[in-house]
Amino acid sequence: MNILVVGAGALGVYFGGRMLEAGQNVSFFVRKKRAAQLTKEGLKINSPEGTFEGRDITIFTSPEEVRNIDLVILAVKGYHLDQVIPQVQTIVQQTGTSFVLPLLNGIEHIDKLQQAIGKEKVLGGFASIIATLNELGHVEHTSGSSTFKFGILHEQQTEICEQLEVLQSQVKTKLVREENILKSMWKKYIFITAFSGITSAMQLPSGFIVSSDATFATAKRVILEMTMLAEQEGIILTDQEIESVGKTLISFKKEATSSMHQDLRKGLPIEVEHLHGGALRLAAKHQVEVPVIETLYGILKPYENGRPTIS
């Protein structure tokens, strides 16, 4: 399978690198600055799941250069989505047969991509990993494991999902095909909205979520508000599934934290508009109130484009 990873942050490099390690034909579509860094420093993964290093990797910086791609893995931050959609459109139009598998958190991006390239081209999927890039642009994977989930959103996607499923036994990550991928995406969206919102608002790692009854109650309230939005969208979670999201929230090591909190600490842009803003737009669509999510959004919005400065 010919795979193109769009975006070479920690997420794209990790999962693209794992597939490259397994012998797949993987290339990367990145901005010129990142391309120069990858060319100089190479691709490297430092991980409990195994170290991997690749030097002669194929890199594209212009969509017109891309040919013969079966699967596009879209691994960009939510705030870059609108910017890359025209490039993805060009790639899909040139290849004709490419499918797109976005690994973004949230839900809004599915509709945007479907409108841009067609419903039959956009698979469902997401990834679970705690990782960041070091000063050399290499991946530092700090959670004990990683998971890449995918599934069909249209009947024409069955064959490409079967091809991807074959890689399960070959890659050093949990590669999982989900029958109800949309529900799984919502469960991840519920979790990450609570986890990223609370850790970033606290500006503290996950161990502090349960150190205060008030903080844990706030996190659980986010889960309930997000669950209500899922129901409004036709996704019904059982009591056990809701409880499982809460347990996941407190299952990490005390020092672990969300990627949003990591970005906030580094002074980088954060996905508050994509995640919490997206939830507020869904709430407005269904005319319901989500006061805790709205509060987190208000607290984090000033950091959307990086650490604000007082002039």
Protein backbone atom coordinates (compact mmCIF):
# COMPACT_ATOMS: atom_id res chain seq x y z
CA MET A 1 0.00 0.00 0.00
CA ASN A 2 1.22 3.51 -0.85
CA ILE A 3 0.59 5.77 2.13
CA LEU A 4 1.01 9.54 2.35
CA VAL A 5 1.11 11.14 5.81
CA VAL A 6 0.05 14.78 5.72
CA GLY A 7 1.68 16.45 8.70
CA ALA A 8 4.86 15.41 10.48
CA GLY A 9 4.22 16.37 14.07
CA ALA A 10 4.53 13.76 16.79
CA LEU A 11 1.34 12.00 15.69
CA GLY A 12 2.16 11.79 11.98
CA VAL A 13 5.78 10.80 12.46
CA TYR A 14 4.93 8.15 15.04
CA PHE A 15 2.25 6.28 13.12
CA GLY A 16 3.78 6.95 9.71
CA GLY A 17 7.12 5.80 11.06
CA ARG A 18 5.62 2.60 12.48
CA MET A 19 4.15 1.76 9.06
CA LEU A 20 7.43 2.62 7.37
CA GLU A 21 9.19 0.34 9.87
CA ALA A 22 6.77 -2.45 8.87
CA GLY A 23 7.86 -2.18 5.24
CA GLN A 24 5.06 -0.05 3.83
CA ASN A 25 5.71 2.59 1.18
CA VAL A 26 5.22 5.70 3.31
CA SER A 27 5.91 9.29 2.30
CA PHE A 28 5.31 12.58 4.11
CA PHE A 29 3.73 15.84 2.96
CA VAL A 30 5.02 18.72 5.09
CA ARG A 31 5.88 22.40 5.09
CA LYS A 32 9.31 23.40 3.80
CA LYS A 33 10.76 24.19 7.24
CA ARG A 34 9.78 20.77 8.58
CA ALA A 35 11.04 19.11 5.39
CA ALA A 36 14.47 20.69 5.93
CA GLN A 37 14.55 19.44 9.52
CA LEU A 38 13.54 15.91 8.54
CA THR A 39 16.17 15.87 5.79
CA LYS A 40 18.88 17.02 8.21
CA GLU A 41 17.95 15.12 11.38
CA GLY A 42 16.06 12.16 9.95
CA LEU A 43 12.96 10.49 11.32
CA LYS A 44 13.37 9.00 14.77
CA ILE A 45 10.97 7.51 17.31
CA ASN A 46 11.97 7.09 20.95
CA SER A 47 9.30 4.89 22.49
CA PRO A 48 8.53 2.12 24.99
CA GLU A 49 7.14 0.27 21.96
CA GLY A 50 10.57 0.29 20.32
CA THR A 51 13.01 2.81 18.88
CA PHE A 52 12.97 3.36 15.12
CA GLU A 53 15.10 5.56 12.90
CA GLY A 54 14.73 6.31 9.21
CA ARG A 55 17.00 8.45 7.08
CA ASP A 56 16.12 8.26 3.39
CA ILE A 57 12.45 9.12 3.69
CA THR A 58 10.33 10.49 0.85
CA ILE A 59 9.14 14.04 1.49
CA PHE A 60 6.82 16.24 -0.54
CA THR A 61 6.21 19.96 -0.02
CA SER A 62 3.91 20.60 -2.98
CA PRO A 63 0.68 18.67 -3.63
CA GLU A 64 1.39 18.69 -7.36
CA GLU A 65 4.42 16.42 -6.72
CA VAL A 66 2.34 13.62 -5.21
CA ARG A 67 1.41 10.60 -7.33
CA ASN A 68 0.11 7.04 -6.89
CA ILE A 69 -1.23 7.19 -3.32
CA ASP A 70 -3.77 4.70 -1.96
CA LEU A 71 -4.29 6.22 1.48
CA VAL A 72 -3.76 9.72 2.85
CA ILE A 73 -3.36 9.81 6.63
CA LEU A 74 -4.24 13.33 7.74
CA ALA A 75 -2.31 14.03 10.95
CA VAL A 76 -2.49 17.79 11.42
CA LYS A 77 -3.76 19.92 14.28
CA GLY A 78 -7.34 21.11 14.06
CA TYR A 79 -6.27 24.73 13.54
CA HIS A 80 -4.42 23.72 10.34
CA LEU A 81 -7.35 21.87 8.79
CA ASP A 82 -8.79 24.67 6.66
CA GLN A 83 -5.30 25.42 5.38
CA VAL A 84 -4.57 21.86 4.23
CA ILE A 85 -7.97 20.95 2.77
CA PRO A 86 -7.20 22.52 -0.66
CA GLN A 87 -3.91 20.58 -0.73
CA VAL A 88 -5.70 17.33 0.14
CA GLN A 89 -8.25 18.08 -2.59
CA THR A 90 -5.45 18.42 -5.14
CA ILE A 91 -3.81 15.17 -4.02
CA VAL A 92 -7.08 13.21 -4.17
CA GLN A 93 -7.97 14.66 -7.57
CA GLN A 94 -4.53 13.82 -8.99
CA THR A 95 -4.47 10.26 -7.76
CA GLY A 96 -8.16 9.58 -8.36
CA THR A 97 -8.20 6.54 -6.04
CA SER A 98 -6.92 8.00 -2.77
CA PHE A 99 -8.88 7.67 0.45
CA VAL A 100 -8.36 10.06 3.35
CA LEU A 101 -8.10 8.87 6.95
CA PRO A 102 -8.07 11.86 9.34
CA LEU A 103 -6.55 11.35 12.79
CA LEU A 104 -7.83 14.64 14.18
CA ASN A 105 -9.69 14.83 17.45
CA GLY A 106 -13.27 16.06 17.39
CA ILE A 107 -16.05 15.56 14.84
CA GLU A 108 -16.45 18.76 12.77
CA HIS A 109 -13.59 17.88 10.43
CA ILE A 110 -15.45 14.88 8.99
CA ASP A 111 -18.18 17.03 7.47
CA LYS A 112 -15.65 19.56 6.17
CA LEU A 113 -13.59 16.88 4.45
CA GLN A 114 -16.65 15.13 3.03
CA GLN A 115 -17.84 18.38 1.51
CA ALA A 116 -14.40 18.99 0.00
CA ILE A 117 -13.57 15.56 -1.47
CA GLY A 118 -16.75 13.44 -1.25
CA LYS A 119 -18.35 11.24 1.40
CA GLU A 120 -17.01 8.05 -0.16
CA LYS A 121 -13.40 9.24 0.26
CA VAL A 122 -13.34 10.07 3.99
CA LEU A 123 -12.80 7.25 6.49
CA GLY A 124 -13.32 7.54 10.22
CA GLY A 125 -10.40 7.28 12.60
CA PHE A 126 -8.41 8.65 15.49
CA ALA A 127 -5.26 7.96 17.47
CA SER A 128 -4.47 7.70 21.16
CA ILE A 129 -0.91 8.51 22.21
CA ILE A 130 0.97 10.90 24.48
CA ALA A 131 3.95 12.11 22.49
CA THR A 132 5.78 15.28 21.54
CA LEU A 133 8.68 16.37 19.34
CA ASN A 134 12.06 17.20 20.85
CA GLU A 135 14.39 19.96 19.65
CA LEU A 136 15.62 17.77 16.78
CA GLY A 137 12.09 17.05 15.60
CA HIS A 138 12.25 13.45 16.85
CA VAL A 139 9.28 11.80 18.55
CA GLU A 140 9.37 11.33 22.32
CA HIS A 141 6.62 8.85 23.13
CA THR A 142 5.91 9.00 26.86
CA SER A 143 2.78 6.88 27.33
CA GLY A 144 3.18 3.13 27.65
CA SER A 145 1.30 2.31 24.45
CA SER A 146 -0.35 3.78 21.38
CA THR A 147 -3.52 3.06 19.44
CA PHE A 148 -4.63 3.81 15.87
CA LYS A 149 -8.32 3.13 15.22
CA PHE A 150 -10.11 3.28 11.87
CA GLY A 151 -13.33 2.20 10.18
CA ILE A 152 -15.69 2.78 7.29
CA LEU A 153 -18.08 5.71 6.99
CA HIS A 154 -19.13 4.67 3.46
CA GLU A 155 -19.56 1.26 1.82
CA GLN A 156 -16.90 2.01 -0.80
CA GLN A 157 -14.23 2.05 1.94
CA THR A 158 -14.40 -1.66 2.81
CA GLU A 159 -11.46 -2.75 0.65
CA ILE A 160 -9.03 -0.06 1.85
CA CYS A 161 -9.93 -0.87 5.46
CA GLU A 162 -9.25 -4.56 4.79
CA GLN A 163 -5.83 -3.67 3.39
CA LEU A 164 -5.05 -1.55 6.45
CA GLU A 165 -6.30 -4.27 8.78
CA VAL A 166 -3.70 -6.69 7.38
CA LEU A 167 -0.98 -4.52 8.95
CA GLN A 168 -2.20 -5.25 12.50
CA SER A 169 0.33 -8.00 13.11
CA GLN A 170 3.19 -6.09 11.48
CA VAL A 171 3.25 -2.69 13.18
CA LYS A 172 4.48 -1.84 16.68
CA THR A 173 1.27 -0.14 17.69
CA LYS A 174 -2.33 -1.19 18.29
CA LEU A 175 -3.93 -0.93 14.86
CA VAL A 176 -7.65 -1.54 15.38
CA ARG A 177 -10.54 -1.66 12.94
CA GLU A 178 -13.79 -0.51 14.55
CA GLU A 179 -17.22 -1.54 13.24
CA ASN A 180 -18.84 1.58 14.72
CA ILE A 181 -16.02 4.04 14.21
CA LEU A 182 -18.26 7.10 14.57
CA LYS A 183 -19.26 6.09 18.10
CA SER A 184 -15.62 5.43 18.97
CA MET A 185 -14.67 8.86 17.63
CA TRP A 186 -17.31 10.44 19.84
CA LYS A 187 -16.00 8.59 22.90
CA LYS A 188 -12.53 9.95 22.15
CA TYR A 189 -13.96 13.45 21.58
CA ILE A 190 -15.75 13.32 24.94
CA PHE A 191 -12.59 12.19 26.70
CA ILE A 192 -10.16 14.61 25.06
CA THR A 193 -12.45 17.63 25.57
CA ALA A 194 -12.47 16.90 29.29
CA PHE A 195 -8.82 15.84 29.62
CA SER A 196 -7.29 18.62 27.52
CA GLY A 197 -9.64 21.26 28.91
CA ILE A 198 -9.05 20.45 32.58
CA THR A 199 -5.28 19.92 32.41
CA SER A 200 -4.84 23.10 30.35
CA ALA A 201 -7.09 25.22 32.54
CA MET A 202 -5.33 23.91 35.67
CA GLN A 203 -1.98 24.14 33.89
CA LEU A 204 -1.17 20.97 35.83
CA PRO A 205 -0.79 17.27 34.87
CA SER A 206 -3.44 14.59 35.19
CA GLY A 207 -2.66 13.64 38.79
CA PHE A 208 -4.24 16.87 39.97
CA ILE A 209 -7.63 16.04 38.42
CA VAL A 210 -8.49 13.75 41.33
CA SER A 211 -6.56 15.64 43.98
CA SER A 212 -9.56 17.92 44.47
CA ASP A 213 -13.20 16.81 44.57
CA ALA A 214 -14.19 20.08 42.92
CA THR A 215 -11.77 19.56 40.01
CA PHE A 216 -12.86 15.97 39.43
CA ALA A 217 -16.51 17.05 39.57
CA THR A 218 -15.78 19.65 36.88
CA ALA A 219 -14.15 17.02 34.65
CA LYS A 220 -17.12 14.69 35.09
CA ARG A 221 -19.47 17.53 34.21
CA VAL A 222 -17.63 18.04 30.91
CA ILE A 223 -18.10 14.34 30.18
CA LEU A 224 -21.84 14.61 30.83
CA GLU A 225 -22.20 17.73 28.67
CA MET A 226 -20.32 16.07 25.81
CA THR A 227 -22.41 12.91 26.20
CA MET A 228 -25.54 15.02 25.83
CA LEU A 229 -24.16 16.51 22.59
CA ALA A 230 -23.38 13.02 21.29
CA GLU A 231 -26.99 12.00 21.97
CA GLN A 232 -28.21 15.07 20.10
CA GLU A 233 -26.15 13.82 17.15
CA GLY A 234 -27.65 10.34 17.37
CA ILE A 235 -24.79 8.65 19.26
CA ILE A 236 -26.08 6.93 22.40
CA LEU A 237 -23.57 5.84 25.04
CA THR A 238 -24.39 3.33 27.74
CA ASP A 239 -23.85 4.11 31.43
CA GLN A 240 -20.88 1.72 31.36
CA GLU A 241 -19.33 3.54 28.39
CA ILE A 242 -19.72 6.90 30.12
CA GLU A 243 -18.18 5.50 33.30
CA SER A 244 -15.31 4.08 31.24
CA VAL A 245 -14.50 7.55 29.87
CA GLY A 246 -14.27 8.86 33.43
CA LYS A 247 -11.98 6.00 34.45
CA THR A 248 -9.71 6.66 31.46
CA LEU A 249 -9.48 10.28 32.57
CA ILE A 250 -7.75 9.27 35.80
CA SER A 251 -5.86 6.21 34.54
CA PHE A 252 -2.67 7.98 33.45
CA LYS A 253 0.48 8.39 35.49
CA LYS A 254 0.25 11.44 37.76
CA GLU A 255 2.80 13.37 35.71
CA ALA A 256 1.14 12.66 32.35
CA THR A 257 -0.77 15.41 30.63
CA SER A 258 -2.64 16.30 27.46
CA SER A 259 -1.05 17.44 24.21
CA MET A 260 -2.99 20.70 24.55
CA HIS A 261 -1.40 21.35 27.93
CA GLN A 262 2.03 20.48 26.49
CA ASP A 263 1.48 22.96 23.64
CA LEU A 264 0.25 25.61 26.07
CA ARG A 265 3.38 25.22 28.22
CA LYS A 266 5.55 25.61 25.11
CA GLY A 267 3.70 28.75 24.06
CA LEU A 268 2.38 27.02 20.92
CA PRO A 269 -1.13 27.34 19.43
CA ILE A 270 -3.76 25.07 20.98
CA GLU A 271 -6.83 23.27 19.58
CA VAL A 272 -9.38 25.01 21.81
CA GLU A 273 -11.44 26.24 18.84
CA HIS A 274 -11.44 22.83 17.17
CA LEU A 275 -12.41 20.93 20.34
CA HIS A 276 -14.28 23.16 22.77
CA GLY A 277 -15.38 25.64 20.13
CA GLY A 278 -16.71 22.74 18.07
CA ALA A 279 -18.72 21.54 21.07
CA LEU A 280 -20.20 25.03 21.50
CA ARG A 281 -21.24 25.10 17.85
CA LEU A 282 -22.99 21.75 18.27
CA ALA A 283 -24.70 23.07 21.41
CA ALA A 284 -25.93 26.11 19.47
CA LYS A 285 -27.12 23.85 16.64
CA HIS A 286 -29.25 21.82 19.04
CA GLN A 287 -30.15 24.78 21.28
CA VAL A 288 -28.77 23.25 24.47
CA GLU A 289 -26.52 24.65 27.20
CA VAL A 290 -23.01 23.39 28.03
CA PRO A 291 -21.87 25.85 30.73
CA VAL A 292 -18.73 24.04 31.90
CA ILE A 293 -17.39 23.59 28.37
CA GLU A 294 -18.25 27.23 27.68
CA THR A 295 -16.26 28.26 30.76
CA LEU A 296 -13.21 26.21 29.76
CA TYR A 297 -13.43 27.69 26.27
CA GLY A 298 -13.45 31.20 27.70
CA ILE A 299 -10.43 30.49 29.91
CA LEU A 300 -8.36 28.89 27.12
CA LYS A 301 -9.38 31.02 24.12
CA PRO A 302 -6.70 33.72 24.77
CA TYR A 303 -4.04 30.99 24.29
CA GLU A 304 -5.43 29.84 20.92
CA ASN A 305 -2.58 31.31 18.88
CA GLY A 306 0.14 30.77 21.47
CA ARG A 307 1.03 32.46 24.72
CA PRO A 308 -0.54 35.94 24.73
CA THR A 309 1.63 38.97 25.38
CA ILE A 310 0.72 42.15 27.17
CA SER A 311 1.87 45.14 25.14
